[in-house]
Amino acid sequence: MGEGGHTLFPTAIGTCGIAWGPGGVVAVQLPEADAPRTRARLLKGLPPLPQVDQPPAAVQTAITGVQDLLKGMARDLMEIELDMARLTPFQREVYAIARAIPPGQTRTYGEIARELGDVGLSRAVGQAMGHNPFAPIVPCHRVLAAGNRPGGFSAGGGAVTKLRMLAIEGALEPDLFDGAGG
């Protein structure tokens, strides 16, 4: 993936950002209120990474995958290499389970916690999702609170953005909008 860098790119829901290093994608940022805020949130906590107008081929493939997903194409994005070196082992486990959720489907925090061996981890799963640096490559929008409520969503627009992404994928049930408060 080259030495590393970052770039912003257009999608069907707004301007997203991606940052990468030698080990793969280190962060993806869903749209914020404007491009400067998207860039600032993308780069928060990362070492300095230059802006690159022509990303390496592997990064361009990731960008195209995110664009396709946000247009409603059923993409799982599993081919994209993620650099998870700065994450905890628990986060890595949670993100691996979330990545396996197919487009158009959802799971709950409790279901993921149960898969990890302890339903009592539901809150920790939710916190891991809230700190997901790879959305939507790690599709935290596909993970719901109990009762199929959207729960929290840390991207710009909060739960409304989460519901919009689920609608694009065709994963919404009519009663999901009733619990939008989370």
N, C-alpha and C. Protein backbone atom coordinates (compact mmCIF):
# COMPACT_ATOMS: atom_id res chain seq x y z
N MET A 1 0.82 -1.21 0.00
CA MET A 1 0.00 0.00 0.00
C MET A 1 0.85 1.26 0.00
N GLY A 2 2.12 1.13 -0.13
CA GLY A 2 2.97 2.30 -0.15
C GLY A 2 3.31 2.79 1.24
N GLU A 3 3.93 3.93 1.30
CA GLU A 3 4.39 4.50 2.56
C GLU A 3 3.25 4.96 3.45
N GLY A 4 2.21 5.41 2.86
CA GLY A 4 1.08 5.89 3.64
C GLY A 4 0.62 7.25 3.15
N GLY A 5 -0.62 7.53 3.44
CA GLY A 5 -1.20 8.80 3.05
C GLY A 5 -2.68 8.80 3.36
N HIS A 6 -3.34 9.81 2.87
CA HIS A 6 -4.79 9.89 3.03
C HIS A 6 -5.38 10.66 1.86
N THR A 7 -6.67 10.43 1.65
CA THR A 7 -7.38 11.16 0.62
C THR A 7 -8.87 11.17 0.96
N LEU A 8 -9.56 12.14 0.41
CA LEU A 8 -11.02 12.21 0.51
C LEU A 8 -11.59 11.78 -0.83
N PHE A 9 -12.82 11.25 -0.81
CA PHE A 9 -13.43 10.79 -2.05
C PHE A 9 -14.95 10.89 -1.95
N PRO A 10 -15.62 11.12 -3.08
CA PRO A 10 -17.08 11.27 -3.07
C PRO A 10 -17.77 9.92 -2.99
N THR A 11 -18.93 9.91 -2.30
CA THR A 11 -19.80 8.73 -2.27
C THR A 11 -21.24 9.21 -2.39
N ALA A 12 -22.15 8.27 -2.47
CA ALA A 12 -23.57 8.59 -2.59
C ALA A 12 -24.11 9.29 -1.34
N ILE A 13 -23.42 9.18 -0.20
CA ILE A 13 -23.92 9.82 1.02
C ILE A 13 -23.06 11.01 1.44
N GLY A 14 -22.06 11.36 0.65
CA GLY A 14 -21.20 12.51 0.97
C GLY A 14 -19.73 12.15 0.85
N THR A 15 -18.89 13.09 1.23
CA THR A 15 -17.44 12.93 1.12
C THR A 15 -16.90 12.08 2.26
N CYS A 16 -16.26 10.97 1.90
CA CYS A 16 -15.63 10.08 2.87
C CYS A 16 -14.12 10.27 2.80
N GLY A 17 -13.41 9.69 3.75
CA GLY A 17 -11.96 9.75 3.75
C GLY A 17 -11.37 8.38 4.03
N ILE A 18 -10.14 8.18 3.59
CA ILE A 18 -9.42 6.93 3.83
C ILE A 18 -7.95 7.27 4.09
N ALA A 19 -7.37 6.56 5.04
CA ALA A 19 -5.95 6.70 5.36
C ALA A 19 -5.32 5.32 5.34
N TRP A 20 -4.08 5.25 4.93
CA TRP A 20 -3.40 3.96 4.80
C TRP A 20 -1.93 4.09 5.16
N GLY A 21 -1.35 2.93 5.42
CA GLY A 21 0.07 2.82 5.70
C GLY A 21 0.59 1.54 5.09
N PRO A 22 1.83 1.17 5.36
CA PRO A 22 2.41 -0.04 4.76
C PRO A 22 1.64 -1.32 5.09
N GLY A 23 0.93 -1.35 6.23
CA GLY A 23 0.21 -2.54 6.64
C GLY A 23 -1.23 -2.60 6.17
N GLY A 24 -1.68 -1.61 5.42
CA GLY A 24 -3.06 -1.61 4.94
C GLY A 24 -3.79 -0.35 5.33
N VAL A 25 -5.11 -0.38 5.20
CA VAL A 25 -5.95 0.76 5.55
C VAL A 25 -5.90 0.93 7.07
N VAL A 26 -5.63 2.14 7.53
CA VAL A 26 -5.59 2.41 8.98
C VAL A 26 -6.85 3.12 9.47
N ALA A 27 -7.59 3.75 8.57
CA ALA A 27 -8.82 4.43 8.96
C ALA A 27 -9.66 4.75 7.74
N VAL A 28 -10.97 4.75 7.95
CA VAL A 28 -11.94 5.21 6.96
C VAL A 28 -12.90 6.10 7.72
N GLN A 29 -13.30 7.18 7.11
CA GLN A 29 -14.21 8.12 7.78
C GLN A 29 -15.43 8.35 6.93
N LEU A 30 -16.60 8.12 7.52
CA LEU A 30 -17.86 8.47 6.85
C LEU A 30 -18.02 9.98 6.86
N PRO A 31 -18.91 10.52 6.04
CA PRO A 31 -19.05 11.97 5.91
C PRO A 31 -19.37 12.68 7.23
N GLU A 32 -18.74 13.81 7.41
CA GLU A 32 -19.07 14.73 8.49
C GLU A 32 -19.79 15.92 7.85
N ALA A 33 -19.96 17.01 8.57
CA ALA A 33 -20.71 18.17 8.06
C ALA A 33 -20.08 18.77 6.81
N ASP A 34 -18.75 18.70 6.71
CA ASP A 34 -18.05 19.22 5.53
C ASP A 34 -16.72 18.49 5.38
N ALA A 35 -16.06 18.69 4.25
CA ALA A 35 -14.81 17.98 3.96
C ALA A 35 -13.72 18.23 4.99
N PRO A 36 -13.49 19.49 5.44
CA PRO A 36 -12.45 19.69 6.45
C PRO A 36 -12.71 18.90 7.74
N ARG A 37 -13.97 18.80 8.16
CA ARG A 37 -14.28 18.03 9.37
C ARG A 37 -14.08 16.53 9.12
N THR A 38 -14.43 16.08 7.92
CA THR A 38 -14.21 14.67 7.59
C THR A 38 -12.72 14.36 7.67
N ARG A 39 -11.89 15.22 7.08
CA ARG A 39 -10.44 15.02 7.09
C ARG A 39 -9.90 15.06 8.52
N ALA A 40 -10.33 16.01 9.31
CA ALA A 40 -9.85 16.14 10.68
C ALA A 40 -10.19 14.90 11.50
N ARG A 41 -11.41 14.40 11.35
CA ARG A 41 -11.81 13.22 12.11
C ARG A 41 -11.07 11.98 11.62
N LEU A 42 -10.85 11.89 10.31
CA LEU A 42 -10.10 10.77 9.74
C LEU A 42 -8.71 10.69 10.33
N LEU A 43 -8.04 11.83 10.43
CA LEU A 43 -6.63 11.85 10.83
C LEU A 43 -6.41 11.92 12.34
N LYS A 44 -7.48 12.10 13.11
CA LYS A 44 -7.34 12.22 14.56
C LYS A 44 -6.70 10.95 15.13
N GLY A 45 -5.63 11.13 15.88
CA GLY A 45 -4.95 10.02 16.52
C GLY A 45 -3.98 9.26 15.64
N LEU A 46 -3.85 9.66 14.38
CA LEU A 46 -2.93 8.99 13.47
C LEU A 46 -1.62 9.78 13.38
N PRO A 47 -0.54 9.12 13.02
CA PRO A 47 0.69 9.88 12.74
C PRO A 47 0.46 10.74 11.50
N PRO A 48 1.28 11.75 11.29
CA PRO A 48 1.10 12.58 10.09
C PRO A 48 1.12 11.74 8.81
N LEU A 49 0.10 11.92 8.00
CA LEU A 49 -0.01 11.22 6.73
C LEU A 49 -0.31 12.25 5.64
N PRO A 50 0.51 12.30 4.60
CA PRO A 50 0.30 13.31 3.57
C PRO A 50 -0.97 13.06 2.76
N GLN A 51 -1.52 14.15 2.23
CA GLN A 51 -2.64 14.02 1.30
C GLN A 51 -2.08 13.51 -0.02
N VAL A 52 -2.75 12.51 -0.58
CA VAL A 52 -2.32 11.88 -1.84
C VAL A 52 -3.50 11.94 -2.80
N ASP A 53 -3.28 12.58 -3.96
CA ASP A 53 -4.35 12.70 -4.93
C ASP A 53 -4.54 11.44 -5.76
N GLN A 54 -3.48 10.66 -5.96
CA GLN A 54 -3.55 9.40 -6.71
C GLN A 54 -3.12 8.26 -5.78
N PRO A 55 -4.07 7.69 -5.01
CA PRO A 55 -3.72 6.61 -4.09
C PRO A 55 -3.21 5.37 -4.81
N PRO A 56 -2.45 4.53 -4.11
CA PRO A 56 -2.01 3.26 -4.71
C PRO A 56 -3.21 2.41 -5.13
N ALA A 57 -2.96 1.46 -6.00
CA ALA A 57 -4.03 0.63 -6.56
C ALA A 57 -4.88 -0.05 -5.49
N ALA A 58 -4.26 -0.59 -4.44
CA ALA A 58 -5.03 -1.28 -3.39
C ALA A 58 -5.95 -0.31 -2.67
N VAL A 59 -5.52 0.92 -2.49
CA VAL A 59 -6.36 1.93 -1.83
C VAL A 59 -7.48 2.35 -2.78
N GLN A 60 -7.18 2.50 -4.06
CA GLN A 60 -8.22 2.85 -5.02
C GLN A 60 -9.28 1.75 -5.08
N THR A 61 -8.85 0.49 -4.97
CA THR A 61 -9.80 -0.62 -4.92
C THR A 61 -10.70 -0.50 -3.69
N ALA A 62 -10.13 -0.13 -2.54
CA ALA A 62 -10.92 0.07 -1.32
C ALA A 62 -11.92 1.21 -1.51
N ILE A 63 -11.47 2.31 -2.10
CA ILE A 63 -12.35 3.46 -2.35
C ILE A 63 -13.52 3.04 -3.23
N THR A 64 -13.23 2.34 -4.32
CA THR A 64 -14.29 1.89 -5.23
C THR A 64 -15.26 0.97 -4.50
N GLY A 65 -14.74 0.10 -3.64
CA GLY A 65 -15.61 -0.79 -2.87
C GLY A 65 -16.54 -0.03 -1.95
N VAL A 66 -16.02 0.98 -1.25
CA VAL A 66 -16.86 1.80 -0.36
C VAL A 66 -17.89 2.56 -1.18
N GLN A 67 -17.48 3.13 -2.31
CA GLN A 67 -18.43 3.85 -3.17
C GLN A 67 -19.53 2.92 -3.64
N ASP A 68 -19.17 1.72 -4.08
CA ASP A 68 -20.16 0.75 -4.54
C ASP A 68 -21.13 0.38 -3.42
N LEU A 69 -20.59 0.10 -2.23
CA LEU A 69 -21.44 -0.26 -1.09
C LEU A 69 -22.44 0.84 -0.78
N LEU A 70 -21.97 2.09 -0.78
CA LEU A 70 -22.83 3.21 -0.42
C LEU A 70 -23.79 3.60 -1.54
N LYS A 71 -23.64 2.98 -2.73
CA LYS A 71 -24.62 3.12 -3.81
C LYS A 71 -25.65 2.01 -3.77
N GLY A 72 -25.45 1.03 -2.88
CA GLY A 72 -26.41 -0.05 -2.76
C GLY A 72 -25.97 -1.37 -3.37
N MET A 73 -24.74 -1.44 -3.85
CA MET A 73 -24.24 -2.71 -4.36
C MET A 73 -23.88 -3.62 -3.18
N ALA A 74 -24.19 -4.89 -3.30
CA ALA A 74 -23.92 -5.84 -2.22
C ALA A 74 -22.43 -6.20 -2.20
N ARG A 75 -21.66 -5.39 -1.51
CA ARG A 75 -20.21 -5.61 -1.39
C ARG A 75 -19.88 -5.92 0.06
N ASP A 76 -19.09 -6.97 0.31
CA ASP A 76 -18.70 -7.28 1.69
C ASP A 76 -17.35 -6.65 2.05
N LEU A 77 -16.58 -6.25 1.08
CA LEU A 77 -15.30 -5.55 1.26
C LEU A 77 -14.27 -6.36 2.04
N MET A 78 -14.43 -7.67 2.07
CA MET A 78 -13.50 -8.54 2.80
C MET A 78 -12.11 -8.57 2.18
N GLU A 79 -12.00 -8.17 0.91
CA GLU A 79 -10.71 -8.21 0.23
C GLU A 79 -9.79 -7.06 0.66
N ILE A 80 -10.34 -6.09 1.37
CA ILE A 80 -9.55 -4.92 1.75
C ILE A 80 -8.72 -5.23 2.99
N GLU A 81 -7.42 -5.02 2.85
CA GLU A 81 -6.49 -5.28 3.95
C GLU A 81 -6.54 -4.13 4.96
N LEU A 82 -6.82 -4.48 6.21
CA LEU A 82 -6.88 -3.48 7.28
C LEU A 82 -5.68 -3.65 8.20
N ASP A 83 -5.10 -2.53 8.59
CA ASP A 83 -4.01 -2.53 9.56
C ASP A 83 -4.63 -2.31 10.94
N MET A 84 -4.71 -3.38 11.72
CA MET A 84 -5.36 -3.33 13.04
C MET A 84 -4.34 -3.30 14.17
N ALA A 85 -3.10 -2.93 13.87
CA ALA A 85 -2.04 -2.96 14.87
C ALA A 85 -2.34 -2.09 16.09
N ARG A 86 -3.05 -1.00 15.93
CA ARG A 86 -3.30 -0.11 17.06
C ARG A 86 -4.56 -0.45 17.85
N LEU A 87 -5.19 -1.58 17.52
CA LEU A 87 -6.42 -1.99 18.18
C LEU A 87 -6.16 -3.07 19.23
N THR A 88 -7.10 -3.19 20.16
CA THR A 88 -6.99 -4.23 21.18
C THR A 88 -7.40 -5.58 20.57
N PRO A 89 -6.98 -6.68 21.19
CA PRO A 89 -7.43 -7.98 20.70
C PRO A 89 -8.97 -8.11 20.71
N PHE A 90 -9.63 -7.53 21.72
CA PHE A 90 -11.09 -7.58 21.78
C PHE A 90 -11.69 -6.86 20.58
N GLN A 91 -11.21 -5.66 20.27
CA GLN A 91 -11.72 -4.93 19.10
C GLN A 91 -11.52 -5.74 17.83
N ARG A 92 -10.38 -6.36 17.68
CA ARG A 92 -10.12 -7.17 16.49
C ARG A 92 -11.13 -8.30 16.35
N GLU A 93 -11.44 -8.97 17.47
CA GLU A 93 -12.43 -10.05 17.44
C GLU A 93 -13.80 -9.52 17.05
N VAL A 94 -14.21 -8.42 17.67
CA VAL A 94 -15.53 -7.83 17.38
C VAL A 94 -15.60 -7.42 15.91
N TYR A 95 -14.55 -6.78 15.41
CA TYR A 95 -14.57 -6.31 14.02
C TYR A 95 -14.56 -7.48 13.04
N ALA A 96 -13.89 -8.58 13.38
CA ALA A 96 -13.91 -9.76 12.51
C ALA A 96 -15.33 -10.31 12.40
N ILE A 97 -16.05 -10.36 13.52
CA ILE A 97 -17.43 -10.84 13.49
C ILE A 97 -18.31 -9.88 12.69
N ALA A 98 -18.14 -8.58 12.92
CA ALA A 98 -18.94 -7.59 12.18
C ALA A 98 -18.66 -7.65 10.69
N ARG A 99 -17.42 -7.85 10.32
CA ARG A 99 -17.08 -7.92 8.89
C ARG A 99 -17.76 -9.09 8.20
N ALA A 100 -18.10 -10.12 8.95
CA ALA A 100 -18.72 -11.30 8.37
C ALA A 100 -20.23 -11.14 8.16
N ILE A 101 -20.82 -10.03 8.63
CA ILE A 101 -22.24 -9.80 8.43
C ILE A 101 -22.45 -9.39 6.96
N PRO A 102 -23.22 -10.17 6.22
CA PRO A 102 -23.41 -9.85 4.80
C PRO A 102 -24.20 -8.55 4.60
N PRO A 103 -23.96 -7.87 3.50
CA PRO A 103 -24.77 -6.69 3.17
C PRO A 103 -26.25 -7.05 3.17
N GLY A 104 -27.05 -6.13 3.71
CA GLY A 104 -28.49 -6.35 3.75
C GLY A 104 -28.96 -7.13 4.97
N GLN A 105 -28.01 -7.55 5.82
CA GLN A 105 -28.37 -8.27 7.04
C GLN A 105 -27.87 -7.50 8.26
N THR A 106 -28.43 -7.82 9.41
CA THR A 106 -28.01 -7.18 10.66
C THR A 106 -27.87 -8.22 11.75
N ARG A 107 -27.15 -7.82 12.79
CA ARG A 107 -27.03 -8.59 14.03
C ARG A 107 -27.14 -7.58 15.16
N THR A 108 -27.31 -8.08 16.37
CA THR A 108 -27.37 -7.19 17.52
C THR A 108 -26.06 -7.26 18.30
N TYR A 109 -25.86 -6.24 19.14
CA TYR A 109 -24.69 -6.25 20.03
C TYR A 109 -24.70 -7.52 20.86
N GLY A 110 -25.88 -7.93 21.34
CA GLY A 110 -26.00 -9.13 22.16
C GLY A 110 -25.64 -10.40 21.41
N GLU A 111 -26.02 -10.49 20.14
CA GLU A 111 -25.66 -11.66 19.34
C GLU A 111 -24.16 -11.76 19.16
N ILE A 112 -23.51 -10.64 18.93
CA ILE A 112 -22.05 -10.65 18.79
C ILE A 112 -21.41 -11.02 20.13
N ALA A 113 -21.92 -10.47 21.22
CA ALA A 113 -21.39 -10.80 22.55
C ALA A 113 -21.54 -12.29 22.82
N ARG A 114 -22.68 -12.86 22.46
CA ARG A 114 -22.90 -14.29 22.64
C ARG A 114 -21.89 -15.09 21.83
N GLU A 115 -21.62 -14.64 20.59
CA GLU A 115 -20.63 -15.34 19.77
C GLU A 115 -19.24 -15.27 20.41
N LEU A 116 -18.98 -14.19 21.13
CA LEU A 116 -17.71 -14.06 21.84
C LEU A 116 -17.68 -14.87 23.14
N GLY A 117 -18.84 -15.44 23.51
CA GLY A 117 -18.89 -16.32 24.66
C GLY A 117 -19.52 -15.75 25.91
N ASP A 118 -20.00 -14.49 25.88
CA ASP A 118 -20.57 -13.89 27.09
C ASP A 118 -21.51 -12.75 26.70
N VAL A 119 -22.82 -12.99 26.84
CA VAL A 119 -23.80 -11.95 26.49
C VAL A 119 -23.57 -10.69 27.33
N GLY A 120 -22.92 -10.82 28.47
CA GLY A 120 -22.60 -9.66 29.30
C GLY A 120 -21.64 -8.70 28.64
N LEU A 121 -21.05 -9.09 27.52
CA LEU A 121 -20.13 -8.22 26.78
C LEU A 121 -20.86 -7.28 25.81
N SER A 122 -22.19 -7.28 25.83
CA SER A 122 -22.95 -6.48 24.87
C SER A 122 -22.54 -5.01 24.88
N ARG A 123 -22.41 -4.43 26.06
CA ARG A 123 -22.02 -3.02 26.16
C ARG A 123 -20.60 -2.81 25.60
N ALA A 124 -19.69 -3.73 25.90
CA ALA A 124 -18.32 -3.63 25.38
C ALA A 124 -18.30 -3.75 23.86
N VAL A 125 -19.18 -4.59 23.31
CA VAL A 125 -19.30 -4.70 21.85
C VAL A 125 -19.76 -3.36 21.29
N GLY A 126 -20.76 -2.75 21.92
CA GLY A 126 -21.24 -1.44 21.49
C GLY A 126 -20.15 -0.38 21.54
N GLN A 127 -19.34 -0.42 22.60
CA GLN A 127 -18.24 0.55 22.70
C GLN A 127 -17.20 0.32 21.61
N ALA A 128 -16.90 -0.95 21.32
CA ALA A 128 -15.96 -1.25 20.24
C ALA A 128 -16.49 -0.72 18.91
N MET A 129 -17.79 -0.91 18.68
CA MET A 129 -18.39 -0.41 17.44
C MET A 129 -18.31 1.12 17.39
N GLY A 130 -18.49 1.77 18.52
CA GLY A 130 -18.41 3.23 18.57
C GLY A 130 -17.02 3.76 18.28
N HIS A 131 -16.01 2.91 18.44
CA HIS A 131 -14.62 3.32 18.18
C HIS A 131 -14.09 2.73 16.87
N ASN A 132 -14.95 2.16 16.06
CA ASN A 132 -14.56 1.51 14.81
C ASN A 132 -13.90 2.52 13.87
N PRO A 133 -12.61 2.36 13.58
CA PRO A 133 -11.95 3.30 12.67
C PRO A 133 -12.11 2.94 11.19
N PHE A 134 -12.88 1.90 10.88
CA PHE A 134 -12.93 1.40 9.51
C PHE A 134 -14.32 1.41 8.87
N ALA A 135 -15.28 2.14 9.42
CA ALA A 135 -16.63 2.14 8.86
C ALA A 135 -16.62 2.76 7.47
N PRO A 136 -17.26 2.15 6.50
CA PRO A 136 -18.12 0.97 6.51
C PRO A 136 -17.42 -0.33 6.13
N ILE A 137 -16.07 -0.35 6.00
CA ILE A 137 -15.39 -1.60 5.68
C ILE A 137 -15.65 -2.62 6.79
N VAL A 138 -15.56 -2.18 8.04
CA VAL A 138 -16.09 -2.95 9.16
C VAL A 138 -17.48 -2.37 9.37
N PRO A 139 -18.52 -3.09 8.94
CA PRO A 139 -19.86 -2.52 8.84
C PRO A 139 -20.60 -2.42 10.18
N CYS A 140 -20.15 -1.51 11.01
CA CYS A 140 -20.80 -1.32 12.32
C CYS A 140 -22.24 -0.87 12.16
N HIS A 141 -22.59 -0.31 11.00
CA HIS A 141 -23.98 0.09 10.77
C HIS A 141 -24.91 -1.12 10.73
N ARG A 142 -24.37 -2.31 10.53
CA ARG A 142 -25.18 -3.52 10.49
C ARG A 142 -25.40 -4.13 11.88
N VAL A 143 -24.88 -3.47 12.91
CA VAL A 143 -25.02 -3.99 14.27
C VAL A 143 -26.00 -3.09 15.03
N LEU A 144 -27.07 -3.72 15.53
CA LEU A 144 -28.17 -2.99 16.15
C LEU A 144 -28.25 -3.27 17.64
N ALA A 145 -28.97 -2.42 18.33
CA ALA A 145 -29.25 -2.61 19.75
C ALA A 145 -30.37 -3.65 19.89
N ALA A 146 -30.65 -4.03 21.13
CA ALA A 146 -31.73 -4.98 21.40
C ALA A 146 -33.04 -4.47 20.79
N GLY A 147 -33.87 -5.38 20.37
CA GLY A 147 -35.15 -5.01 19.78
C GLY A 147 -35.02 -4.39 18.40
N ASN A 148 -33.90 -4.61 17.75
CA ASN A 148 -33.62 -4.05 16.42
C ASN A 148 -33.68 -2.53 16.38
N ARG A 149 -33.38 -1.88 17.51
CA ARG A 149 -33.25 -0.42 17.52
C ARG A 149 -31.87 -0.08 16.98
N PRO A 150 -31.72 1.08 16.37
CA PRO A 150 -30.43 1.40 15.77
C PRO A 150 -29.30 1.56 16.79
N GLY A 151 -29.62 1.98 18.00
CA GLY A 151 -28.54 2.22 18.96
C GLY A 151 -27.74 3.43 18.53
N GLY A 152 -26.55 3.54 19.03
CA GLY A 152 -25.71 4.69 18.70
C GLY A 152 -25.01 4.52 17.37
N PHE A 153 -24.49 5.63 16.88
CA PHE A 153 -23.68 5.62 15.66
C PHE A 153 -22.84 6.87 15.70
N SER A 154 -21.52 6.71 15.69
CA SER A 154 -20.64 7.85 15.93
C SER A 154 -20.35 8.68 14.68
N ALA A 155 -20.78 8.24 13.52
CA ALA A 155 -20.55 9.03 12.30
C ALA A 155 -21.44 10.26 12.30
N GLY A 156 -21.10 11.23 11.47
CA GLY A 156 -21.93 12.41 11.31
C GLY A 156 -23.36 12.01 10.99
N GLY A 157 -24.32 12.64 11.65
CA GLY A 157 -25.72 12.31 11.45
C GLY A 157 -26.23 11.25 12.40
N GLY A 158 -25.33 10.60 13.14
CA GLY A 158 -25.72 9.62 14.14
C GLY A 158 -26.59 8.50 13.60
N ALA A 159 -27.61 8.14 14.38
CA ALA A 159 -28.48 7.01 14.04
C ALA A 159 -29.19 7.21 12.71
N VAL A 160 -29.46 8.45 12.31
CA VAL A 160 -30.11 8.70 11.03
C VAL A 160 -29.22 8.21 9.88
N THR A 161 -27.92 8.45 9.99
CA THR A 161 -26.98 7.97 8.97
C THR A 161 -26.94 6.44 8.97
N LYS A 162 -26.95 5.85 10.14
CA LYS A 162 -26.95 4.38 10.25
C LYS A 162 -28.18 3.83 9.54
N LEU A 163 -29.35 4.39 9.82
CA LEU A 163 -30.58 3.94 9.18
C LEU A 163 -30.54 4.16 7.67
N ARG A 164 -29.97 5.27 7.25
CA ARG A 164 -29.86 5.54 5.82
C ARG A 164 -28.99 4.49 5.13
N MET A 165 -27.88 4.14 5.78
CA MET A 165 -26.99 3.12 5.20
C MET A 165 -27.69 1.76 5.15
N LEU A 166 -28.44 1.42 6.19
CA LEU A 166 -29.18 0.17 6.18
C LEU A 166 -30.26 0.18 5.10
N ALA A 167 -30.91 1.32 4.89
CA ALA A 167 -31.92 1.43 3.83
C ALA A 167 -31.28 1.23 2.46
N ILE A 168 -30.11 1.82 2.25
CA ILE A 168 -29.39 1.66 0.98
C ILE A 168 -29.12 0.18 0.71
N GLU A 169 -28.81 -0.57 1.77
CA GLU A 169 -28.51 -1.99 1.63
C GLU A 169 -29.77 -2.86 1.58
N GLY A 170 -30.93 -2.27 1.84
CA GLY A 170 -32.17 -3.03 1.85
C GLY A 170 -32.35 -3.85 3.12
N ALA A 171 -31.72 -3.43 4.21
CA ALA A 171 -31.77 -4.19 5.46
C ALA A 171 -32.81 -3.70 6.45
N LEU A 172 -33.51 -2.64 6.12
CA LEU A 172 -34.46 -2.06 7.08
C LEU A 172 -35.77 -2.81 7.10
N GLU A 173 -36.26 -3.02 8.30
CA GLU A 173 -37.62 -3.49 8.50
C GLU A 173 -38.44 -2.25 8.80
N PRO A 174 -39.74 -2.23 8.46
CA PRO A 174 -40.53 -1.02 8.64
C PRO A 174 -40.51 -0.46 10.06
N ASP A 175 -40.41 -1.31 11.08
CA ASP A 175 -40.47 -0.81 12.45
C ASP A 175 -39.15 -0.24 12.96
N LEU A 176 -38.07 -0.34 12.18
CA LEU A 176 -36.79 0.19 12.64
C LEU A 176 -36.83 1.69 12.85
N PHE A 177 -37.55 2.42 12.02
CA PHE A 177 -37.59 3.87 12.18
C PHE A 177 -38.30 4.27 13.46
N ASP A 178 -39.17 3.39 13.99
CA ASP A 178 -39.87 3.69 15.23
C ASP A 178 -38.91 3.80 16.40
N GLY A 179 -37.78 3.10 16.37
CA GLY A 179 -36.83 3.12 17.48
C GLY A 179 -35.61 3.97 17.20
N ALA A 180 -35.72 4.92 16.30
CA ALA A 180 -34.54 5.69 15.86
C ALA A 180 -33.84 6.40 16.99
N GLY A 181 -34.48 6.60 18.11
CA GLY A 181 -33.82 7.28 19.23
C GLY A 181 -32.78 6.41 19.90
N GLY A 182 -32.80 5.10 19.66
CA GLY A 182 -31.76 4.22 20.07
C GLY A 182 -31.79 3.69 21.41
